[in-house]
Amino acid sequence: MRFFCPRRKQLRLRVIAHSDGVKEQEMKGLVRDAVLPLALRRPLDMAAIRETAKRIDPTAVARYGRLYFGGYRSPAVEIKLGAGAGRNWWGILYPEAMEADGPVRFESWILTLLRKWGWIG
């Protein structure tokens, strides 16, 4: 069994629609579904992600970096469709967990810290 601490090995994926129109929101879902398997691969291939997103929506602009979410910075792939003024979809991915052979036990960073300090067994 392999232990995995999600906080240290996460990647966020964010897809922002052009607008809140029905067609634009559907386009956002299509782009998300197409790039999601690519975002889980290691090493991360941004060229493939950009190409796939542009194939579905020619206005797509994809970037990778440490972006702010909820007050802290996290590695993320952000794909903006058109003006990027619509509702967005985002999720947290754990690529290293996908690569594991056999079962993976997810471990909370706080539990790891409490065990290290000897506060819990």
C-alpha atoms as a PDB file:
ATOM      1  CA  MET A   1       0.000   0.000   0.000  1.00  0.00           C
ATOM      2  CA  ARG A   2       1.280   3.451  -0.871  1.00  0.00           C
ATOM      3  CA  PHE A   3       0.609   6.536   1.258  1.00  0.00           C
ATOM      4  CA  PHE A   4      -0.339   9.728  -0.479  1.00  0.00           C
ATOM      5  CA  CYS A   5      -0.610  13.210   0.993  1.00  0.00           C
ATOM      6  CA  PRO A   6      -2.994  15.122  -1.298  1.00  0.00           C
ATOM      7  CA  ARG A   7      -2.038  18.639  -0.213  1.00  0.00           C
ATOM      8  CA  ARG A   8       1.517  18.358  -1.518  1.00  0.00           C
ATOM      9  CA  LYS A   9       0.728  16.633  -4.805  1.00  0.00           C
ATOM     10  CA  GLN A  10      -2.359  18.329  -6.097  1.00  0.00           C
ATOM     11  CA  LEU A  11      -2.997  20.105  -9.368  1.00  0.00           C
ATOM     12  CA  ARG A  12      -6.018  22.287  -9.968  1.00  0.00           C
ATOM     13  CA  LEU A  13      -7.802  22.444 -13.290  1.00  0.00           C
ATOM     14  CA  ARG A  14      -9.946  25.466 -14.031  1.00  0.00           C
ATOM     15  CA  VAL A  15     -11.988  26.008 -17.185  1.00  0.00           C
ATOM     16  CA  ILE A  16     -13.673  29.407 -17.574  1.00  0.00           C
ATOM     17  CA  ALA A  17     -16.514  29.775 -20.075  1.00  0.00           C
ATOM     18  CA  HIS A  18     -16.816  32.707 -22.484  1.00  0.00           C
ATOM     19  CA  SER A  19     -20.162  33.668 -20.907  1.00  0.00           C
ATOM     20  CA  ASP A  20     -23.051  32.171 -18.966  1.00  0.00           C
ATOM     21  CA  GLY A  21     -24.988  31.285 -22.132  1.00  0.00           C
ATOM     22  CA  VAL A  22     -26.127  27.700 -22.550  1.00  0.00           C
ATOM     23  CA  LYS A  23     -23.880  27.036 -25.576  1.00  0.00           C
ATOM     24  CA  GLU A  24     -20.837  28.530 -23.866  1.00  0.00           C
ATOM     25  CA  GLN A  25     -21.407  26.474 -20.714  1.00  0.00           C
ATOM     26  CA  GLU A  26     -21.739  23.324 -22.838  1.00  0.00           C
ATOM     27  CA  MET A  27     -18.486  24.225 -24.591  1.00  0.00           C
ATOM     28  CA  LYS A  28     -16.811  24.575 -21.184  1.00  0.00           C
ATOM     29  CA  GLY A  29     -17.903  21.027 -20.325  1.00  0.00           C
ATOM     30  CA  LEU A  30     -16.607  19.641 -23.611  1.00  0.00           C
ATOM     31  CA  VAL A  31     -13.200  21.259 -23.103  1.00  0.00           C
ATOM     32  CA  ARG A  32     -13.028  20.027 -19.500  1.00  0.00           C
ATOM     33  CA  ASP A  33     -13.882  16.454 -20.484  1.00  0.00           C
ATOM     34  CA  ALA A  34     -11.274  16.473 -23.263  1.00  0.00           C
ATOM     35  CA  VAL A  35      -8.350  17.884 -21.254  1.00  0.00           C
ATOM     36  CA  LEU A  36      -9.006  16.108 -17.945  1.00  0.00           C
ATOM     37  CA  PRO A  37      -7.210  12.853 -18.925  1.00  0.00           C
ATOM     38  CA  LEU A  38      -4.269  14.906 -20.234  1.00  0.00           C
ATOM     39  CA  ALA A  39      -3.984  16.863 -16.987  1.00  0.00           C
ATOM     40  CA  LEU A  40      -3.626  13.603 -15.049  1.00  0.00           C
ATOM     41  CA  ARG A  41      -0.594  12.449 -17.057  1.00  0.00           C
ATOM     42  CA  ARG A  42       2.945  12.927 -15.850  1.00  0.00           C
ATOM     43  CA  PRO A  43       4.928  14.750 -16.977  1.00  0.00           C
ATOM     44  CA  LEU A  44       2.348  17.444 -17.642  1.00  0.00           C
ATOM     45  CA  ASP A  45       2.139  18.130 -21.387  1.00  0.00           C
ATOM     46  CA  MET A  46       0.812  21.684 -21.751  1.00  0.00           C
ATOM     47  CA  ALA A  47       1.244  21.581 -25.531  1.00  0.00           C
ATOM     48  CA  ALA A  48      -1.193  18.658 -25.746  1.00  0.00           C
ATOM     49  CA  ILE A  49      -3.626  20.403 -23.396  1.00  0.00           C
ATOM     50  CA  ARG A  50      -3.505  23.622 -25.454  1.00  0.00           C
ATOM     51  CA  GLU A  51      -3.922  21.739 -28.716  1.00  0.00           C
ATOM     52  CA  THR A  52      -6.875  19.720 -27.424  1.00  0.00           C
ATOM     53  CA  ALA A  53      -8.620  22.780 -25.978  1.00  0.00           C
ATOM     54  CA  LYS A  54      -8.104  24.766 -29.218  1.00  0.00           C
ATOM     55  CA  ARG A  55      -9.409  21.870 -31.295  1.00  0.00           C
ATOM     56  CA  ILE A  56     -12.720  22.111 -29.409  1.00  0.00           C
ATOM     57  CA  ASP A  57     -12.807  25.906 -28.991  1.00  0.00           C
ATOM     58  CA  PRO A  58     -10.413  27.952 -31.170  1.00  0.00           C
ATOM     59  CA  THR A  59     -10.564  30.848 -28.672  1.00  0.00           C
ATOM     60  CA  ALA A  60      -9.160  28.722 -25.817  1.00  0.00           C
ATOM     61  CA  VAL A  61      -6.077  30.008 -24.012  1.00  0.00           C
ATOM     62  CA  ALA A  62      -4.414  27.586 -21.596  1.00  0.00           C
ATOM     63  CA  ARG A  63      -1.732  28.419 -19.073  1.00  0.00           C
ATOM     64  CA  TYR A  64       0.058  26.656 -16.269  1.00  0.00           C
ATOM     65  CA  GLY A  65       1.375  28.242 -13.115  1.00  0.00           C
ATOM     66  CA  ARG A  66       0.865  28.794  -9.430  1.00  0.00           C
ATOM     67  CA  LEU A  67      -2.519  30.491  -9.206  1.00  0.00           C
ATOM     68  CA  TYR A  68      -4.414  31.830  -6.193  1.00  0.00           C
ATOM     69  CA  PHE A  69      -7.370  29.794  -4.932  1.00  0.00           C
ATOM     70  CA  GLY A  70      -9.020  30.524  -1.632  1.00  0.00           C
ATOM     71  CA  GLY A  71      -6.179  32.647  -0.316  1.00  0.00           C
ATOM     72  CA  TYR A  72      -3.234  30.414  -1.198  1.00  0.00           C
ATOM     73  CA  ARG A  73      -1.251  29.576  -4.299  1.00  0.00           C
ATOM     74  CA  SER A  74      -1.527  26.194  -5.915  1.00  0.00           C
ATOM     75  CA  PRO A  75      -0.181  24.616  -9.127  1.00  0.00           C
ATOM     76  CA  ALA A  76      -2.938  24.936 -11.707  1.00  0.00           C
ATOM     77  CA  VAL A  77      -3.873  24.624 -15.342  1.00  0.00           C
ATOM     78  CA  GLU A  78      -6.280  27.379 -16.323  1.00  0.00           C
ATOM     79  CA  ILE A  79      -8.157  27.372 -19.625  1.00  0.00           C
ATOM     80  CA  LYS A  80     -10.016  30.523 -20.581  1.00  0.00           C
ATOM     81  CA  LEU A  81     -12.558  30.321 -23.403  1.00  0.00           C
ATOM     82  CA  GLY A  82     -13.159  33.556 -25.296  1.00  0.00           C
ATOM     83  CA  ALA A  83     -13.612  36.489 -22.917  1.00  0.00           C
ATOM     84  CA  GLY A  84     -13.584  34.182 -19.891  1.00  0.00           C
ATOM     85  CA  ALA A  85     -16.524  36.080 -18.363  1.00  0.00           C
ATOM     86  CA  GLY A  86     -18.748  33.083 -17.619  1.00  0.00           C
ATOM     87  CA  ARG A  87     -19.044  30.612 -14.789  1.00  0.00           C
ATOM     88  CA  ASN A  88     -16.051  28.383 -14.327  1.00  0.00           C
ATOM     89  CA  TRP A  89     -15.468  24.744 -13.495  1.00  0.00           C
ATOM     90  CA  TRP A  90     -12.566  23.749 -11.339  1.00  0.00           C
ATOM     91  CA  GLY A  91     -11.433  20.608  -9.668  1.00  0.00           C
ATOM     92  CA  ILE A  92      -8.497  19.296  -7.719  1.00  0.00           C
ATOM     93  CA  LEU A  93      -6.593  16.463  -9.382  1.00  0.00           C
ATOM     94  CA  TYR A  94      -4.162  14.024  -7.819  1.00  0.00           C
ATOM     95  CA  PRO A  95      -2.012  12.744 -10.717  1.00  0.00           C
ATOM     96  CA  GLU A  96       0.445  10.793  -8.541  1.00  0.00           C
ATOM     97  CA  ALA A  97      -2.408   8.777  -7.049  1.00  0.00           C
ATOM     98  CA  MET A  98      -3.445   7.726 -10.542  1.00  0.00           C
ATOM     99  CA  GLU A  99       0.029   6.278 -11.194  1.00  0.00           C
ATOM    100  CA  ALA A 100       0.088   4.019  -8.134  1.00  0.00           C
ATOM    101  CA  ASP A 101       0.124   0.267  -8.538  1.00  0.00           C
ATOM    102  CA  GLY A 102      -2.355  -1.310  -6.172  1.00  0.00           C
ATOM    103  CA  PRO A 103      -4.348   0.428  -3.476  1.00  0.00           C
ATOM    104  CA  VAL A 104      -3.562   3.974  -2.402  1.00  0.00           C
ATOM    105  CA  ARG A 105      -4.256   5.263   1.079  1.00  0.00           C
ATOM    106  CA  PHE A 106      -5.005   8.969   1.111  1.00  0.00           C
ATOM    107  CA  GLU A 107      -3.462  10.736   4.055  1.00  0.00           C
ATOM    108  CA  SER A 108      -4.475  14.115   5.397  1.00  0.00           C
ATOM    109  CA  TRP A 109      -1.605  16.543   5.899  1.00  0.00           C
ATOM    110  CA  ILE A 110      -2.936  17.435   9.339  1.00  0.00           C
ATOM    111  CA  LEU A 111      -3.024  13.759  10.383  1.00  0.00           C
ATOM    112  CA  THR A 112       0.542  13.365   9.148  1.00  0.00           C
ATOM    113  CA  LEU A 113       1.608  16.343  11.231  1.00  0.00           C
ATOM    114  CA  LEU A 114      -0.233  15.138  14.356  1.00  0.00           C
ATOM    115  CA  ARG A 115       1.388  11.698  14.025  1.00  0.00           C
ATOM    116  CA  LYS A 116       4.806  13.287  13.587  1.00  0.00           C
ATOM    117  CA  TRP A 117       4.311  15.234  16.804  1.00  0.00           C
ATOM    118  CA  GLY A 118       3.157  12.053  18.558  1.00  0.00           C
ATOM    119  CA  TRP A 119      -0.268  13.440  19.393  1.00  0.00           C
ATOM    120  CA  ILE A 120      -2.050  10.522  17.702  1.00  0.00           C
ATOM    121  CA  GLY A 121      -0.971   6.965  16.915  1.00  0.00           C
END
